[in-house]
Amino acid sequence: MKSAWMEKTYTIDGCAFHTQHRKGSSGVTIVFEAGYGTSSETWKPLMADIDDEFGIFTYDRAGIGKSGQSRAKRTADQQVKELKSLLKAADVKPPYLAVSHSYGAVITGLWACKNKHDIIGMVLLDPALGDCASFTFIPEEMHKSHTRKMMLEGTHAEFSKSLQELKKRQVHLGNMPLLVLSSGERTEKFAAEQEWQNLHSSILSLSNQSGWIQAKNSSHNIHHDEPHIVHLAIYDVWCAACQQAAPLYQAVN
């Protein structure tokens, strides 16, 4: 029997956050973190085909989708605090498997650095994290998207501060399974594409068990263009995590 979806709003520090959650048979919950200025609706096509063994938790960050506005600074450190508070309010306990897109990887990256024992693995889709201090390195497609969505969620200064927060708190993630998926649908006009891929390659050093996949037919929105690759990545990370924690795996199967 499929688990029922629970759609609830929780108030954190005076801001109403819209969430959706379902339980899974394995005890592991996939926590989705969307890109900059993007609501949780972006994950709907992908979630439809995720196995019932996984729990799922999605939410709209402050100022996005069905969530309210927050007076707090829109930095990754604040957003990690809000995410942790929402998981607690919804009684969604670890272990978590984090799946994030673009700027969402900054949030989940910082979350993992602070709480790596709660997270069994990460799948990062065209992540905007690493040694990236400005948007001069970022492909034109993402630069335009960021500029368009900036007014929805924060400022360039807050984005830059989020990158600085992650760099300051960055720790090695040990054997946490980590898969980085990069967009492959680029053209000659993206002069910084090689630097963008180098940025993604540098992320692999954060874990002893990491891998890189190029989604050759995908734009920046890999989860829309090639969802089957994301599904496989999630399952690969899950299987790798299970091999590291055999007692947990045996207990839930």
Protein backbone atom coordinates (compact mmCIF):
# COMPACT_ATOMS: atom_id res chain seq x y z
CA MET A 1 0.00 0.00 0.00
CA LYS A 2 1.33 3.42 -0.94
CA SER A 3 1.95 5.89 1.85
CA ALA A 4 -0.34 8.89 2.00
CA TRP A 5 1.05 12.32 1.23
CA MET A 6 0.87 14.88 4.02
CA GLU A 7 0.71 18.53 3.00
CA LYS A 8 1.22 20.89 5.93
CA THR A 9 2.31 24.40 6.77
CA TYR A 10 4.65 25.03 9.68
CA THR A 11 5.57 28.41 11.13
CA ILE A 12 9.28 28.87 11.82
CA ASP A 13 10.48 32.20 13.27
CA GLY A 14 7.28 33.89 12.15
CA CYS A 15 7.38 32.57 8.58
CA ALA A 16 4.89 30.02 7.21
CA PHE A 17 6.58 27.19 5.28
CA HIS A 18 4.68 24.90 2.93
CA THR A 19 5.80 21.25 3.09
CA GLN A 20 4.88 17.89 1.58
CA HIS A 21 5.93 14.57 3.04
CA ARG A 22 5.33 10.86 2.71
CA LYS A 23 6.78 7.95 4.66
CA GLY A 24 8.74 5.09 3.11
CA SER A 25 9.25 1.47 4.05
CA SER A 26 13.05 1.70 4.32
CA GLY A 27 13.19 4.39 6.99
CA VAL A 28 15.25 6.63 4.69
CA THR A 29 13.79 9.96 3.57
CA ILE A 30 14.85 11.77 0.41
CA VAL A 31 15.04 15.50 1.14
CA PHE A 32 14.75 17.62 -1.99
CA GLU A 33 16.29 21.09 -2.20
CA ALA A 34 15.34 23.17 -5.24
CA GLY A 35 17.41 25.71 -7.14
CA TYR A 36 17.43 29.44 -6.58
CA GLY A 37 13.99 31.04 -6.71
CA THR A 38 12.34 27.71 -7.56
CA SER A 39 9.45 26.07 -5.71
CA SER A 40 9.14 22.43 -4.75
CA GLU A 41 6.80 21.96 -7.74
CA THR A 42 9.95 21.47 -9.79
CA TRP A 43 10.34 17.97 -8.28
CA LYS A 44 6.82 16.66 -9.01
CA PRO A 45 7.59 14.82 -12.28
CA LEU A 46 10.61 13.17 -10.66
CA MET A 47 8.84 12.18 -7.44
CA ALA A 48 6.04 10.39 -9.27
CA ASP A 49 8.33 7.46 -10.07
CA ILE A 50 10.32 7.16 -6.84
CA ASP A 51 9.95 3.78 -5.15
CA ASP A 52 7.71 3.50 -2.09
CA GLU A 53 10.65 2.28 -0.02
CA PHE A 54 11.82 5.90 0.16
CA GLY A 55 10.19 8.58 2.23
CA ILE A 56 10.08 11.99 0.56
CA PHE A 57 10.22 15.50 2.02
CA THR A 58 9.87 18.66 -0.05
CA TYR A 59 9.22 22.26 0.91
CA ASP A 60 9.17 25.79 -0.43
CA ARG A 61 11.83 28.08 0.96
CA ALA A 62 10.78 31.47 2.34
CA GLY A 63 9.41 33.77 -0.34
CA ILE A 64 8.95 30.94 -2.84
CA GLY A 65 5.85 29.01 -3.94
CA LYS A 66 3.29 28.63 -1.17
CA SER A 67 5.60 29.73 1.66
CA GLY A 68 5.48 33.16 3.25
CA GLN A 69 8.09 35.88 3.48
CA SER A 70 10.79 35.87 6.12
CA ARG A 71 12.49 38.83 7.74
CA ALA A 72 15.65 36.80 8.26
CA LYS A 73 18.60 37.09 5.91
CA ARG A 74 18.35 34.64 3.01
CA THR A 75 21.71 32.98 3.49
CA ALA A 76 22.49 29.26 3.40
CA ASP A 77 23.23 29.20 7.12
CA GLN A 78 19.74 30.54 7.89
CA GLN A 79 18.16 28.21 5.34
CA VAL A 80 19.84 25.18 6.89
CA LYS A 81 18.43 26.20 10.28
CA GLU A 82 14.97 26.48 8.74
CA LEU A 83 15.25 23.10 7.02
CA LYS A 84 16.29 21.38 10.25
CA SER A 85 13.43 23.05 12.13
CA LEU A 86 10.94 21.92 9.47
CA LEU A 87 12.15 18.31 9.57
CA LYS A 88 11.79 18.36 13.35
CA ALA A 89 8.31 19.93 13.19
CA ALA A 90 7.19 17.32 10.64
CA ASP A 91 8.73 14.53 12.73
CA VAL A 92 10.88 13.40 9.80
CA LYS A 93 13.83 11.65 11.40
CA PRO A 94 17.17 10.66 9.88
CA PRO A 95 18.67 9.02 7.95
CA TYR A 96 18.27 11.41 5.04
CA LEU A 97 19.34 11.19 1.40
CA ALA A 98 19.80 14.70 0.02
CA VAL A 99 18.94 15.53 -3.59
CA SER A 100 19.57 19.12 -4.62
CA HIS A 101 19.67 21.25 -7.74
CA SER A 102 21.89 24.24 -8.52
CA TYR A 103 21.91 26.64 -5.52
CA GLY A 104 20.12 23.99 -3.47
CA ALA A 105 23.46 22.18 -3.33
CA VAL A 106 24.89 25.07 -1.31
CA ILE A 107 22.21 24.49 1.33
CA THR A 108 22.55 20.70 1.41
CA GLY A 109 26.33 20.97 1.27
CA LEU A 110 26.36 23.17 4.37
CA TRP A 111 23.76 20.93 6.02
CA ALA A 112 25.95 17.88 5.40
CA CYS A 113 29.01 19.63 6.82
CA LYS A 114 27.11 20.39 10.02
CA ASN A 115 25.16 17.12 10.31
CA LYS A 116 26.97 14.54 8.22
CA HIS A 117 25.98 11.69 10.54
CA ASP A 118 22.30 12.30 9.68
CA ILE A 119 22.82 12.17 5.92
CA ILE A 120 23.65 8.87 4.23
CA GLY A 121 24.37 10.31 0.77
CA MET A 122 23.92 13.17 -1.67
CA VAL A 123 22.94 13.61 -5.32
CA LEU A 124 23.85 17.05 -6.65
CA LEU A 125 22.31 18.21 -9.94
CA ASP A 126 24.38 20.82 -11.81
CA PRO A 127 25.43 22.20 -8.41
CA ALA A 128 26.40 25.83 -7.87
CA LEU A 129 28.94 25.19 -5.19
CA GLY A 130 32.67 24.94 -4.87
CA ASP A 131 35.32 27.63 -5.20
CA CYS A 132 32.94 29.94 -7.02
CA ALA A 133 33.09 33.49 -5.73
CA SER A 134 31.22 35.20 -8.54
CA PHE A 135 29.00 34.49 -11.49
CA THR A 136 31.77 35.20 -14.01
CA PHE A 137 32.51 31.46 -13.98
CA ILE A 138 28.94 30.29 -14.38
CA PRO A 139 27.46 29.30 -17.75
CA GLU A 140 25.26 31.94 -19.37
CA GLU A 141 22.12 29.82 -19.04
CA MET A 142 22.43 29.69 -15.26
CA HIS A 143 23.58 33.32 -14.98
CA LYS A 144 20.38 34.53 -16.69
CA SER A 145 18.23 32.26 -14.54
CA HIS A 146 19.89 33.52 -11.36
CA THR A 147 19.42 37.16 -12.34
CA ARG A 148 15.75 36.60 -13.18
CA LYS A 149 15.00 34.85 -9.90
CA MET A 150 17.15 37.01 -7.63
CA MET A 151 14.27 39.28 -6.61
CA LEU A 152 12.24 36.28 -5.44
CA GLU A 153 14.63 34.91 -2.88
CA GLY A 154 17.49 37.20 -1.96
CA THR A 155 20.31 39.39 -3.15
CA HIS A 156 23.61 38.77 -4.86
CA ALA A 157 25.32 39.73 -1.59
CA GLU A 158 23.36 37.05 0.29
CA PHE A 159 24.22 34.49 -2.38
CA SER A 160 27.91 35.36 -2.11
CA LYS A 161 27.73 35.14 1.67
CA SER A 162 26.18 31.68 1.38
CA LEU A 163 29.13 30.52 -0.72
CA GLN A 164 31.50 31.99 1.86
CA GLU A 165 29.65 30.23 4.69
CA LEU A 166 29.98 26.90 2.93
CA LYS A 167 33.67 27.42 2.19
CA LYS A 168 34.31 28.34 5.83
CA ARG A 169 32.44 25.32 7.21
CA GLN A 170 33.53 22.82 4.55
CA VAL A 171 34.69 19.49 5.96
CA HIS A 172 35.57 16.20 4.34
CA LEU A 173 32.50 13.95 4.25
CA GLY A 174 34.40 10.71 4.75
CA ASN A 175 32.80 7.78 2.93
CA MET A 176 29.44 9.45 2.32
CA PRO A 177 28.28 8.42 -1.18
CA LEU A 178 28.21 11.50 -3.40
CA LEU A 179 27.17 11.74 -7.05
CA VAL A 180 27.51 14.95 -9.07
CA LEU A 181 25.46 15.24 -12.27
CA SER A 182 26.46 17.91 -14.78
CA SER A 183 24.44 19.25 -17.68
CA GLY A 184 25.72 18.20 -21.08
CA GLU A 185 23.51 20.25 -23.40
CA ARG A 186 25.86 23.17 -23.95
CA THR A 187 27.09 25.02 -27.03
CA GLU A 188 30.14 27.06 -28.00
CA LYS A 189 28.54 30.19 -26.55
CA PHE A 190 29.24 28.90 -23.04
CA ALA A 191 32.88 29.95 -22.94
CA ALA A 192 33.21 29.07 -19.26
CA GLU A 193 31.84 25.53 -19.65
CA GLN A 194 35.18 23.84 -19.00
CA GLU A 195 35.64 25.90 -15.83
CA TRP A 196 32.10 24.91 -14.80
CA GLN A 197 32.93 21.22 -15.22
CA ASN A 198 36.22 21.72 -13.38
CA LEU A 199 34.20 23.25 -10.56
CA HIS A 200 32.06 20.12 -10.43
CA SER A 201 35.13 17.89 -10.54
CA SER A 202 36.56 19.67 -7.51
CA ILE A 203 33.46 18.74 -5.50
CA LEU A 204 34.35 15.05 -5.85
CA SER A 205 37.27 15.48 -3.45
CA LEU A 206 34.80 16.08 -0.60
CA SER A 207 34.09 12.34 -0.28
CA ASN A 208 36.08 9.12 -0.54
CA GLN A 209 33.14 7.62 -2.39
CA SER A 210 32.17 10.07 -5.10
CA GLY A 211 31.34 9.96 -8.79
CA TRP A 212 30.55 12.24 -11.71
CA ILE A 213 27.93 11.76 -14.41
CA GLN A 214 27.36 13.98 -17.44
CA ALA A 215 23.72 14.14 -18.47
CA LYS A 216 24.51 14.66 -22.14
CA ASN A 217 20.99 15.52 -23.26
CA SER A 218 20.10 17.81 -20.36
CA SER A 219 19.95 21.54 -19.85
CA HIS A 220 20.59 22.98 -16.39
CA ASN A 221 17.32 21.32 -15.28
CA ILE A 222 18.55 17.74 -15.42
CA HIS A 223 15.63 16.44 -13.35
CA HIS A 224 13.23 17.69 -16.04
CA ASP A 225 15.18 16.62 -19.12
CA GLU A 226 16.53 13.21 -18.03
CA PRO A 227 14.73 12.17 -14.84
CA HIS A 228 15.69 8.52 -15.36
CA ILE A 229 19.34 9.44 -14.80
CA VAL A 230 18.44 11.13 -11.52
CA HIS A 231 16.41 8.09 -10.43
CA LEU A 232 19.40 5.83 -11.11
CA ALA A 233 21.72 8.20 -9.25
CA ILE A 234 19.45 8.19 -6.20
CA TYR A 235 19.31 4.41 -6.17
CA ASP A 236 23.08 4.10 -6.68
CA VAL A 237 23.74 6.37 -3.70
CA TRP A 238 21.20 4.45 -1.62
CA CYS A 239 22.79 1.09 -2.47
CA ALA A 240 26.28 2.40 -1.70
CA ALA A 241 25.08 3.71 1.65
CA CYS A 242 23.43 0.37 2.46
CA GLN A 243 26.71 -1.45 1.87
CA GLN A 244 28.34 0.79 4.46
CA ALA A 245 25.56 0.24 7.00
CA ALA A 246 24.60 -3.41 6.61
CA PRO A 247 22.86 -3.67 10.03
CA LEU A 248 20.51 -0.79 9.09
CA TYR A 249 19.82 -2.30 5.67
CA GLN A 250 19.06 -5.73 7.11
CA ALA A 251 16.81 -4.23 9.76
CA VAL A 252 14.51 -2.52 7.28
CA ASN A 253 14.28 -5.24 4.64
